[in-house]
């Protein structure tokens, strides 16, 4: 898993700082295609894309964006993001660990292996 001091990757950054293709890029693109084909509403798809782009296969599809960051990345308001997260959790596509006691954003895991049946 990534160290807490490391930032989750820049959304949409499929290239490394030296300009070479990130080795996880093909896997990420495959997941994005699966999200496109999933039977989810638009808000849920946008939030799921935001989570995928902030995580990576090497980190086990884990990320820790704030809700404000998810709002920005997905392009929807706070309540829409919370509702979409609830639907994604109910579908078994996303789980999270609350870190409120530590005053840190939730630790989200995207269950990409379950996308085919979503």
C-alpha atoms as a PDB file:
ATOM      1  CA  UNK A   1       0.000   0.000   0.000  1.00  0.00           C
ATOM      2  CA  UNK A   2       1.130   3.582  -0.570  1.00  0.00           C
ATOM      3  CA  UNK A   3       2.629   5.445   2.313  1.00  0.00           C
ATOM      4  CA  UNK A   4       0.373   8.100   3.790  1.00  0.00           C
ATOM      5  CA  UNK A   5       2.927  10.771   2.904  1.00  0.00           C
ATOM      6  CA  UNK A   6       2.649   9.857  -0.780  1.00  0.00           C
ATOM      7  CA  UNK A   7      -0.068  11.585  -2.715  1.00  0.00           C
ATOM      8  CA  UNK A   8      -2.558   9.558  -4.667  1.00  0.00           C
ATOM      9  CA  UNK A   9      -1.793   9.924  -8.308  1.00  0.00           C
ATOM     10  CA  UNK A  10      -2.962  12.813 -10.398  1.00  0.00           C
ATOM     11  CA  UNK A  11      -6.254  11.952 -12.058  1.00  0.00           C
ATOM     12  CA  UNK A  12      -5.783  11.189 -15.707  1.00  0.00           C
ATOM     13  CA  UNK A  13      -2.000  11.042 -15.367  1.00  0.00           C
ATOM     14  CA  UNK A  14      -1.231   7.967 -17.433  1.00  0.00           C
ATOM     15  CA  UNK A  15       2.379   9.037 -17.912  1.00  0.00           C
ATOM     16  CA  UNK A  16       5.209   9.210 -15.406  1.00  0.00           C
ATOM     17  CA  UNK A  17       7.153  12.404 -14.702  1.00  0.00           C
ATOM     18  CA  UNK A  18       9.798  11.367 -17.248  1.00  0.00           C
ATOM     19  CA  UNK A  19       7.123  11.140 -19.974  1.00  0.00           C
ATOM     20  CA  UNK A  20       7.033   7.344 -20.211  1.00  0.00           C
ATOM     21  CA  UNK A  21       3.743   5.481 -20.005  1.00  0.00           C
ATOM     22  CA  UNK A  22       2.803   4.475 -16.473  1.00  0.00           C
ATOM     23  CA  UNK A  23       2.913   0.651 -16.382  1.00  0.00           C
ATOM     24  CA  UNK A  24      -0.532   0.643 -14.750  1.00  0.00           C
ATOM     25  CA  UNK A  25      -2.091   2.723 -17.550  1.00  0.00           C
ATOM     26  CA  UNK A  26      -3.419  -0.208 -19.615  1.00  0.00           C
ATOM     27  CA  UNK A  27      -5.031  -1.743 -16.515  1.00  0.00           C
ATOM     28  CA  UNK A  28      -6.566   1.608 -15.562  1.00  0.00           C
ATOM     29  CA  UNK A  29      -7.949   2.077 -19.075  1.00  0.00           C
ATOM     30  CA  UNK A  30      -9.460  -1.409 -18.971  1.00  0.00           C
ATOM     31  CA  UNK A  31     -11.223  -0.547 -15.712  1.00  0.00           C
ATOM     32  CA  UNK A  32     -12.500   2.730 -17.183  1.00  0.00           C
ATOM     33  CA  UNK A  33     -14.014   0.814 -20.119  1.00  0.00           C
ATOM     34  CA  UNK A  34     -15.734  -1.520 -17.669  1.00  0.00           C
ATOM     35  CA  UNK A  35     -17.158   1.463 -15.786  1.00  0.00           C
ATOM     36  CA  UNK A  36     -18.481   2.870 -19.058  1.00  0.00           C
ATOM     37  CA  UNK A  37     -20.372  -0.385 -19.675  1.00  0.00           C
ATOM     38  CA  UNK A  38     -21.585  -0.845 -16.077  1.00  0.00           C
ATOM     39  CA  UNK A  39     -25.261  -0.483 -15.276  1.00  0.00           C
ATOM     40  CA  UNK A  40     -24.795   2.555 -13.045  1.00  0.00           C
ATOM     41  CA  UNK A  41     -26.266   6.052 -13.160  1.00  0.00           C
ATOM     42  CA  UNK A  42     -24.121   8.936 -14.390  1.00  0.00           C
ATOM     43  CA  UNK A  43     -23.269  10.342 -10.963  1.00  0.00           C
ATOM     44  CA  UNK A  44     -22.163   6.943  -9.648  1.00  0.00           C
ATOM     45  CA  UNK A  45     -20.040   6.378 -12.771  1.00  0.00           C
ATOM     46  CA  UNK A  46     -18.410   9.808 -12.370  1.00  0.00           C
ATOM     47  CA  UNK A  47     -17.589   9.195  -8.704  1.00  0.00           C
ATOM     48  CA  UNK A  48     -16.257   5.717  -9.508  1.00  0.00           C
ATOM     49  CA  UNK A  49     -14.055   7.128 -12.295  1.00  0.00           C
ATOM     50  CA  UNK A  50     -12.743   9.767  -9.865  1.00  0.00           C
ATOM     51  CA  UNK A  51     -11.820   7.039  -7.359  1.00  0.00           C
ATOM     52  CA  UNK A  52     -10.165   4.839 -10.006  1.00  0.00           C
ATOM     53  CA  UNK A  53      -8.104   7.730 -11.357  1.00  0.00           C
ATOM     54  CA  UNK A  54      -6.871   8.530  -7.852  1.00  0.00           C
ATOM     55  CA  UNK A  55      -5.856   4.924  -7.157  1.00  0.00           C
ATOM     56  CA  UNK A  56      -3.703   2.369  -8.942  1.00  0.00           C
ATOM     57  CA  UNK A  57      -3.471  -1.387  -9.403  1.00  0.00           C
ATOM     58  CA  UNK A  58      -0.126  -1.442  -7.562  1.00  0.00           C
ATOM     59  CA  UNK A  59      -1.784   0.073  -4.499  1.00  0.00           C
ATOM     60  CA  UNK A  60      -4.703  -2.370  -4.624  1.00  0.00           C
ATOM     61  CA  UNK A  61      -7.062   0.285  -6.046  1.00  0.00           C
ATOM     62  CA  UNK A  62      -6.937   2.202  -2.745  1.00  0.00           C
ATOM     63  CA  UNK A  63      -7.087   5.981  -2.443  1.00  0.00           C
ATOM     64  CA  UNK A  64      -8.014   8.623   0.121  1.00  0.00           C
ATOM     65  CA  UNK A  65      -9.517  11.710  -1.539  1.00  0.00           C
ATOM     66  CA  UNK A  66     -11.621  14.066   0.530  1.00  0.00           C
ATOM     67  CA  UNK A  67     -15.292  14.432  -0.346  1.00  0.00           C
ATOM     68  CA  UNK A  68     -14.470  17.940  -1.605  1.00  0.00           C
ATOM     69  CA  UNK A  69     -11.882  16.408  -3.960  1.00  0.00           C
ATOM     70  CA  UNK A  70     -14.435  13.837  -5.172  1.00  0.00           C
ATOM     71  CA  UNK A  71     -16.934  16.651  -5.734  1.00  0.00           C
ATOM     72  CA  UNK A  72     -14.380  18.493  -7.846  1.00  0.00           C
ATOM     73  CA  UNK A  73     -13.205  15.437  -9.777  1.00  0.00           C
ATOM     74  CA  UNK A  74     -16.711  14.070 -10.438  1.00  0.00           C
ATOM     75  CA  UNK A  75     -18.342  17.437 -11.030  1.00  0.00           C
ATOM     76  CA  UNK A  76     -21.241  16.980  -8.612  1.00  0.00           C
ATOM     77  CA  UNK A  77     -22.300  18.441  -5.276  1.00  0.00           C
ATOM     78  CA  UNK A  78     -21.707  17.026  -1.825  1.00  0.00           C
ATOM     79  CA  UNK A  79     -25.055  15.264  -1.393  1.00  0.00           C
ATOM     80  CA  UNK A  80     -24.891  13.742  -4.900  1.00  0.00           C
ATOM     81  CA  UNK A  81     -21.400  12.382  -4.155  1.00  0.00           C
ATOM     82  CA  UNK A  82     -22.501  10.915  -0.806  1.00  0.00           C
ATOM     83  CA  UNK A  83     -25.561   9.307  -2.398  1.00  0.00           C
ATOM     84  CA  UNK A  84     -23.455   7.875  -5.242  1.00  0.00           C
ATOM     85  CA  UNK A  85     -20.949   6.454  -2.752  1.00  0.00           C
ATOM     86  CA  UNK A  86     -23.857   4.765  -0.967  1.00  0.00           C
ATOM     87  CA  UNK A  87     -25.068   3.216  -4.227  1.00  0.00           C
ATOM     88  CA  UNK A  88     -21.539   2.100  -5.127  1.00  0.00           C
ATOM     89  CA  UNK A  89     -21.138   0.495  -1.704  1.00  0.00           C
ATOM     90  CA  UNK A  90     -24.544  -1.215  -1.993  1.00  0.00           C
ATOM     91  CA  UNK A  91     -23.450  -2.602  -5.390  1.00  0.00           C
ATOM     92  CA  UNK A  92     -20.252  -3.943  -3.792  1.00  0.00           C
ATOM     93  CA  UNK A  93     -18.019  -1.788  -5.995  1.00  0.00           C
ATOM     94  CA  UNK A  94     -16.563   0.474  -3.301  1.00  0.00           C
ATOM     95  CA  UNK A  95     -15.816   0.046   0.373  1.00  0.00           C
ATOM     96  CA  UNK A  96     -14.161   2.416   2.776  1.00  0.00           C
ATOM     97  CA  UNK A  97     -12.598   2.696   6.149  1.00  0.00           C
ATOM     98  CA  UNK A  98     -13.537   5.783   8.120  1.00  0.00           C
ATOM     99  CA  UNK A  99     -10.572   7.708   9.483  1.00  0.00           C
ATOM    100  CA  UNK A 100     -12.611  10.510  11.044  1.00  0.00           C
ATOM    101  CA  UNK A 101     -11.022   9.943  14.464  1.00  0.00           C
ATOM    102  CA  UNK A 102      -7.623  10.627  12.866  1.00  0.00           C
ATOM    103  CA  UNK A 103      -9.034  13.689  11.079  1.00  0.00           C
ATOM    104  CA  UNK A 104      -8.139  12.158   7.706  1.00  0.00           C
ATOM    105  CA  UNK A 105     -10.275  11.384   4.658  1.00  0.00           C
ATOM    106  CA  UNK A 106     -11.795   7.935   4.298  1.00  0.00           C
ATOM    107  CA  UNK A 107      -9.628   5.195   2.839  1.00  0.00           C
ATOM    108  CA  UNK A 108     -11.539   3.975  -0.241  1.00  0.00           C
ATOM    109  CA  UNK A 109     -11.067   0.632  -1.995  1.00  0.00           C
ATOM    110  CA  UNK A 110     -12.481   0.125  -5.480  1.00  0.00           C
ATOM    111  CA  UNK A 111     -13.403  -3.511  -6.104  1.00  0.00           C
ATOM    112  CA  UNK A 112     -12.609  -3.564  -9.817  1.00  0.00           C
ATOM    113  CA  UNK A 113     -12.988  -7.347  -9.972  1.00  0.00           C
ATOM    114  CA  UNK A 114     -16.731  -6.886  -9.356  1.00  0.00           C
ATOM    115  CA  UNK A 115     -17.292  -4.443 -12.211  1.00  0.00           C
ATOM    116  CA  UNK A 116     -18.320  -7.078 -14.757  1.00  0.00           C
ATOM    117  CA  UNK A 117     -21.410  -7.981 -12.752  1.00  0.00           C
ATOM    118  CA  UNK A 118     -22.379  -4.430 -11.753  1.00  0.00           C
END
